[in-house]
Amino acid sequence: MAPELYDEEYNELVDIYAFGMCLLELVTFEYPYCECSNAAQIYRKVSDGEKPGSLAKIGDPEVKLFIEKCIAKVTERLSANELLMDPFLLDVSDEKIFYPVHPNINTTE
C-alpha cells in the first residue's frame, strides 16, 4: 500500500507504487516487506519511506532502478506515461527479455 494512502490523500500514482511492488515480488519471488513479522512493522516502514529489504536482492541494476522509480516518494514518482518512456521499457532486446533476473531460474529447462 502506497504511503500516501494512509493519509487518505492520493491520486493515480498509488497504482504506480502498487505496480512497482508487484514487479518486486515477481523478480524476487518474495512478498515486499517479508522481513517484517506483523502489519504494524510494515506500516511503520512504509510510513517512514523505508524500502522493502527484498529490493537489495535484485541483481540487475536496470530492473532495480525501474522498480525504485515506481516506489519512490509520491513527489518523485513517475506517471504511467513517463514510465512508458523509460529507457528500461524502450530498450528491449531478446537477450534482455530472456535474461534471468533471479539467480535460481534456469531458462534452458
N, C-alpha and C. Protein backbone atom coordinates (compact mmCIF):
# COMPACT_ATOMS: atom_id res chain seq x y z
N MET A 1 0.84 -1.16 0.00
CA MET A 1 0.00 0.00 0.00
C MET A 1 0.90 1.24 0.00
N ALA A 2 0.62 2.14 -0.91
CA ALA A 2 1.41 3.36 -1.02
C ALA A 2 1.31 4.19 0.27
N PRO A 3 2.40 4.82 0.68
CA PRO A 3 2.39 5.59 1.93
C PRO A 3 1.29 6.65 1.99
N GLU A 4 1.01 7.28 0.86
CA GLU A 4 0.02 8.35 0.87
C GLU A 4 -1.41 7.85 1.10
N LEU A 5 -1.65 6.56 0.91
CA LEU A 5 -2.97 6.00 1.20
C LEU A 5 -3.30 6.10 2.68
N TYR A 6 -2.29 6.00 3.53
CA TYR A 6 -2.51 6.12 4.97
C TYR A 6 -3.02 7.51 5.34
N ASP A 7 -2.64 8.51 4.57
CA ASP A 7 -3.08 9.89 4.82
C ASP A 7 -4.42 10.19 4.16
N GLU A 8 -4.91 9.26 3.37
CA GLU A 8 -6.18 9.38 2.64
C GLU A 8 -6.18 10.54 1.66
N GLU A 9 -5.02 10.96 1.22
CA GLU A 9 -4.90 11.97 0.17
C GLU A 9 -3.99 11.39 -0.90
N TYR A 10 -4.60 10.94 -1.99
CA TYR A 10 -3.81 10.25 -3.00
C TYR A 10 -4.43 10.43 -4.38
N ASN A 11 -3.67 10.01 -5.38
CA ASN A 11 -4.13 10.07 -6.77
C ASN A 11 -3.73 8.78 -7.48
N GLU A 12 -3.69 8.82 -8.79
CA GLU A 12 -3.40 7.62 -9.58
C GLU A 12 -1.98 7.09 -9.39
N LEU A 13 -1.11 7.87 -8.79
CA LEU A 13 0.26 7.40 -8.57
C LEU A 13 0.35 6.25 -7.56
N VAL A 14 -0.73 6.03 -6.79
CA VAL A 14 -0.74 4.86 -5.90
C VAL A 14 -0.71 3.58 -6.72
N ASP A 15 -1.27 3.63 -7.93
CA ASP A 15 -1.25 2.45 -8.80
C ASP A 15 0.16 2.16 -9.32
N ILE A 16 0.94 3.20 -9.53
CA ILE A 16 2.33 3.03 -9.95
C ILE A 16 3.12 2.37 -8.82
N TYR A 17 2.87 2.81 -7.59
CA TYR A 17 3.51 2.20 -6.42
C TYR A 17 3.15 0.72 -6.35
N ALA A 18 1.87 0.40 -6.49
CA ALA A 18 1.42 -0.99 -6.44
C ALA A 18 2.07 -1.81 -7.56
N PHE A 19 2.17 -1.22 -8.74
CA PHE A 19 2.83 -1.89 -9.87
C PHE A 19 4.28 -2.20 -9.53
N GLY A 20 4.97 -1.24 -8.93
CA GLY A 20 6.36 -1.46 -8.54
C GLY A 20 6.50 -2.58 -7.53
N MET A 21 5.58 -2.64 -6.58
CA MET A 21 5.61 -3.71 -5.58
C MET A 21 5.33 -5.07 -6.23
N CYS A 22 4.42 -5.10 -7.19
CA CYS A 22 4.16 -6.35 -7.93
C CYS A 22 5.40 -6.79 -8.69
N LEU A 23 6.06 -5.85 -9.35
CA LEU A 23 7.29 -6.18 -10.06
C LEU A 23 8.34 -6.72 -9.10
N LEU A 24 8.46 -6.08 -7.95
CA LEU A 24 9.43 -6.53 -6.95
C LEU A 24 9.15 -7.97 -6.54
N GLU A 25 7.90 -8.29 -6.33
CA GLU A 25 7.55 -9.66 -5.95
C GLU A 25 7.82 -10.64 -7.09
N LEU A 26 7.52 -10.25 -8.31
CA LEU A 26 7.77 -11.12 -9.47
C LEU A 26 9.26 -11.39 -9.67
N VAL A 27 10.07 -10.39 -9.42
CA VAL A 27 11.51 -10.51 -9.64
C VAL A 27 12.22 -11.27 -8.52
N THR A 28 11.78 -11.06 -7.29
CA THR A 28 12.48 -11.65 -6.15
C THR A 28 11.82 -12.92 -5.61
N PHE A 29 10.60 -13.18 -6.03
CA PHE A 29 9.83 -14.31 -5.50
C PHE A 29 9.58 -14.18 -4.00
N GLU A 30 9.53 -12.94 -3.52
CA GLU A 30 9.26 -12.66 -2.11
C GLU A 30 8.23 -11.55 -2.02
N TYR A 31 7.37 -11.64 -1.00
CA TYR A 31 6.46 -10.54 -0.74
C TYR A 31 7.27 -9.33 -0.29
N PRO A 32 6.92 -8.14 -0.76
CA PRO A 32 7.59 -6.95 -0.24
C PRO A 32 7.40 -6.86 1.28
N TYR A 33 8.43 -6.47 1.96
CA TYR A 33 8.45 -6.35 3.42
C TYR A 33 8.27 -7.69 4.12
N CYS A 34 8.71 -8.77 3.47
CA CYS A 34 8.60 -10.09 4.12
C CYS A 34 9.52 -10.18 5.34
N GLU A 35 10.43 -9.23 5.48
CA GLU A 35 11.29 -9.21 6.66
C GLU A 35 10.53 -8.77 7.92
N CYS A 36 9.33 -8.24 7.73
CA CYS A 36 8.50 -7.80 8.86
C CYS A 36 7.68 -8.98 9.38
N SER A 37 7.45 -8.99 10.68
CA SER A 37 6.69 -10.09 11.27
C SER A 37 5.23 -9.75 11.52
N ASN A 38 4.85 -8.48 11.33
CA ASN A 38 3.44 -8.12 11.52
C ASN A 38 3.11 -6.86 10.72
N ALA A 39 1.82 -6.58 10.63
CA ALA A 39 1.35 -5.44 9.85
C ALA A 39 1.83 -4.11 10.41
N ALA A 40 1.98 -4.02 11.72
CA ALA A 40 2.45 -2.77 12.33
C ALA A 40 3.86 -2.42 11.87
N GLN A 41 4.71 -3.42 11.74
CA GLN A 41 6.08 -3.18 11.27
C GLN A 41 6.07 -2.71 9.82
N ILE A 42 5.21 -3.31 9.02
CA ILE A 42 5.10 -2.89 7.61
C ILE A 42 4.62 -1.44 7.55
N TYR A 43 3.59 -1.12 8.32
CA TYR A 43 3.05 0.23 8.36
C TYR A 43 4.13 1.25 8.71
N ARG A 44 4.92 0.94 9.73
CA ARG A 44 5.99 1.85 10.15
C ARG A 44 7.00 2.06 9.03
N LYS A 45 7.44 0.96 8.41
CA LYS A 45 8.45 1.07 7.35
C LYS A 45 7.91 1.86 6.16
N VAL A 46 6.69 1.54 5.75
CA VAL A 46 6.09 2.25 4.61
C VAL A 46 5.92 3.73 4.95
N SER A 47 5.40 4.01 6.13
CA SER A 47 5.19 5.41 6.55
C SER A 47 6.48 6.19 6.65
N ASP A 48 7.55 5.52 7.06
CA ASP A 48 8.86 6.17 7.18
C ASP A 48 9.60 6.26 5.85
N GLY A 49 9.01 5.70 4.79
CA GLY A 49 9.65 5.74 3.48
C GLY A 49 10.76 4.72 3.31
N GLU A 50 10.80 3.73 4.19
CA GLU A 50 11.83 2.69 4.12
C GLU A 50 11.47 1.68 3.04
N LYS A 51 12.41 1.40 2.17
CA LYS A 51 12.19 0.46 1.07
C LYS A 51 12.19 -0.99 1.57
N PRO A 52 11.50 -1.89 0.86
CA PRO A 52 11.50 -3.30 1.25
C PRO A 52 12.90 -3.90 1.18
N GLY A 53 13.21 -4.79 2.10
CA GLY A 53 14.52 -5.44 2.12
C GLY A 53 14.81 -6.23 0.87
N SER A 54 13.77 -6.77 0.25
CA SER A 54 13.98 -7.59 -0.95
C SER A 54 14.51 -6.78 -2.13
N LEU A 55 14.38 -5.47 -2.08
CA LEU A 55 14.92 -4.62 -3.16
C LEU A 55 16.42 -4.81 -3.31
N ALA A 56 17.10 -5.06 -2.20
CA ALA A 56 18.56 -5.25 -2.23
C ALA A 56 18.96 -6.57 -2.88
N LYS A 57 18.02 -7.47 -3.07
CA LYS A 57 18.32 -8.77 -3.65
C LYS A 57 18.28 -8.78 -5.17
N ILE A 58 17.89 -7.67 -5.77
CA ILE A 58 17.81 -7.60 -7.23
C ILE A 58 19.20 -7.41 -7.79
N GLY A 59 19.62 -8.34 -8.63
CA GLY A 59 20.97 -8.30 -9.19
C GLY A 59 21.13 -7.37 -10.38
N ASP A 60 20.08 -7.22 -11.17
CA ASP A 60 20.15 -6.39 -12.37
C ASP A 60 19.88 -4.93 -11.99
N PRO A 61 20.88 -4.05 -12.16
CA PRO A 61 20.71 -2.65 -11.75
C PRO A 61 19.61 -1.92 -12.52
N GLU A 62 19.37 -2.30 -13.78
CA GLU A 62 18.32 -1.64 -14.55
C GLU A 62 16.94 -1.98 -14.00
N VAL A 63 16.75 -3.23 -13.65
CA VAL A 63 15.48 -3.67 -13.07
C VAL A 63 15.26 -2.97 -11.73
N LYS A 64 16.30 -2.95 -10.93
CA LYS A 64 16.21 -2.31 -9.61
C LYS A 64 15.87 -0.83 -9.74
N LEU A 65 16.52 -0.13 -10.64
CA LEU A 65 16.26 1.29 -10.83
C LEU A 65 14.82 1.54 -11.28
N PHE A 66 14.33 0.70 -12.18
CA PHE A 66 12.95 0.87 -12.66
C PHE A 66 11.96 0.68 -11.51
N ILE A 67 12.17 -0.34 -10.70
CA ILE A 67 11.29 -0.57 -9.55
C ILE A 67 11.40 0.58 -8.56
N GLU A 68 12.61 1.07 -8.34
CA GLU A 68 12.79 2.21 -7.43
C GLU A 68 12.02 3.44 -7.91
N LYS A 69 11.97 3.63 -9.22
CA LYS A 69 11.21 4.75 -9.77
C LYS A 69 9.72 4.59 -9.47
N CYS A 70 9.25 3.35 -9.49
CA CYS A 70 7.83 3.08 -9.23
C CYS A 70 7.46 3.26 -7.77
N ILE A 71 8.38 2.95 -6.87
CA ILE A 71 8.05 3.01 -5.44
C ILE A 71 8.68 4.22 -4.74
N ALA A 72 9.09 5.19 -5.53
CA ALA A 72 9.67 6.42 -4.97
C ALA A 72 8.61 7.21 -4.20
N LYS A 73 9.07 8.20 -3.44
CA LYS A 73 8.14 9.11 -2.76
C LYS A 73 7.17 9.66 -3.79
N VAL A 74 5.96 9.94 -3.39
CA VAL A 74 4.94 10.40 -4.33
C VAL A 74 5.39 11.65 -5.08
N THR A 75 6.16 12.52 -4.44
CA THR A 75 6.62 13.75 -5.10
C THR A 75 7.67 13.47 -6.17
N GLU A 76 8.28 12.29 -6.12
CA GLU A 76 9.32 11.92 -7.08
C GLU A 76 8.88 10.80 -8.02
N ARG A 77 7.73 10.21 -7.75
CA ARG A 77 7.25 9.06 -8.51
C ARG A 77 6.82 9.48 -9.91
N LEU A 78 7.18 8.67 -10.89
CA LEU A 78 6.83 8.95 -12.27
C LEU A 78 5.40 8.51 -12.58
N SER A 79 4.80 9.18 -13.55
CA SER A 79 3.47 8.79 -14.00
C SER A 79 3.58 7.59 -14.94
N ALA A 80 2.44 7.01 -15.28
CA ALA A 80 2.44 5.87 -16.21
C ALA A 80 3.03 6.28 -17.55
N ASN A 81 2.68 7.45 -18.05
CA ASN A 81 3.22 7.91 -19.33
C ASN A 81 4.74 8.09 -19.27
N GLU A 82 5.22 8.62 -18.16
CA GLU A 82 6.67 8.79 -18.00
C GLU A 82 7.37 7.43 -17.94
N LEU A 83 6.77 6.48 -17.23
CA LEU A 83 7.37 5.15 -17.14
C LEU A 83 7.40 4.46 -18.50
N LEU A 84 6.36 4.67 -19.30
CA LEU A 84 6.32 4.07 -20.63
C LEU A 84 7.44 4.58 -21.53
N MET A 85 7.96 5.76 -21.22
CA MET A 85 9.05 6.35 -21.99
C MET A 85 10.41 6.06 -21.35
N ASP A 86 10.42 5.30 -20.27
CA ASP A 86 11.66 4.98 -19.57
C ASP A 86 12.54 4.09 -20.45
N PRO A 87 13.84 4.33 -20.47
CA PRO A 87 14.76 3.51 -21.27
C PRO A 87 14.65 2.01 -20.96
N PHE A 88 14.31 1.67 -19.74
CA PHE A 88 14.18 0.25 -19.37
C PHE A 88 13.12 -0.44 -20.23
N LEU A 89 12.02 0.25 -20.50
CA LEU A 89 10.96 -0.33 -21.32
C LEU A 89 11.20 -0.13 -22.81
N LEU A 90 11.88 0.93 -23.17
CA LEU A 90 12.11 1.23 -24.58
C LEU A 90 13.23 0.40 -25.19
N ASP A 91 14.22 0.04 -24.38
CA ASP A 91 15.38 -0.71 -24.87
C ASP A 91 15.18 -2.20 -24.60
N VAL A 92 14.35 -2.82 -25.41
CA VAL A 92 14.05 -4.24 -25.22
C VAL A 92 14.72 -5.04 -26.33
N SER A 93 15.53 -6.00 -25.92
CA SER A 93 16.16 -6.90 -26.88
C SER A 93 15.88 -8.32 -26.44
N ASP A 94 16.10 -9.27 -27.33
CA ASP A 94 15.87 -10.68 -27.00
C ASP A 94 16.70 -11.10 -25.80
N GLU A 95 17.94 -10.66 -25.73
CA GLU A 95 18.81 -11.04 -24.62
C GLU A 95 18.25 -10.53 -23.30
N LYS A 96 17.72 -9.33 -23.32
CA LYS A 96 17.19 -8.73 -22.10
C LYS A 96 15.90 -9.44 -21.66
N ILE A 97 15.07 -9.79 -22.61
CA ILE A 97 13.80 -10.43 -22.28
C ILE A 97 14.03 -11.77 -21.60
N PHE A 98 14.99 -12.52 -22.07
CA PHE A 98 15.20 -13.86 -21.56
C PHE A 98 16.31 -13.97 -20.53
N TYR A 99 16.82 -12.85 -20.09
CA TYR A 99 17.86 -12.85 -19.07
C TYR A 99 17.22 -13.13 -17.72
N PRO A 100 17.63 -14.20 -17.03
CA PRO A 100 17.02 -14.49 -15.73
C PRO A 100 17.47 -13.48 -14.67
N VAL A 101 16.51 -12.80 -14.09
CA VAL A 101 16.82 -11.81 -13.06
C VAL A 101 17.14 -12.51 -11.75
N HIS A 102 16.44 -13.58 -11.49
CA HIS A 102 16.64 -14.34 -10.25
C HIS A 102 17.68 -15.42 -10.52
N PRO A 103 18.71 -15.55 -9.69
CA PRO A 103 19.80 -16.49 -9.97
C PRO A 103 19.38 -17.96 -9.98
N ASN A 104 18.24 -18.30 -9.39
CA ASN A 104 17.83 -19.70 -9.33
C ASN A 104 16.99 -20.14 -10.52
N ILE A 105 16.77 -19.25 -11.47
CA ILE A 105 15.96 -19.60 -12.63
C ILE A 105 16.86 -20.08 -13.75
N ASN A 106 16.54 -21.22 -14.28
CA ASN A 106 17.28 -21.77 -15.41
C ASN A 106 16.38 -21.68 -16.63
N THR A 107 16.70 -20.84 -17.59
CA THR A 107 15.84 -20.63 -18.75
C THR A 107 15.96 -21.73 -19.79
N THR A 108 16.85 -22.67 -19.61
CA THR A 108 17.01 -23.73 -20.61
C THR A 108 16.14 -24.94 -20.31
N GLU A 109 15.50 -24.97 -19.18
CA GLU A 109 14.65 -26.13 -18.83
C GLU A 109 13.26 -25.95 -19.35
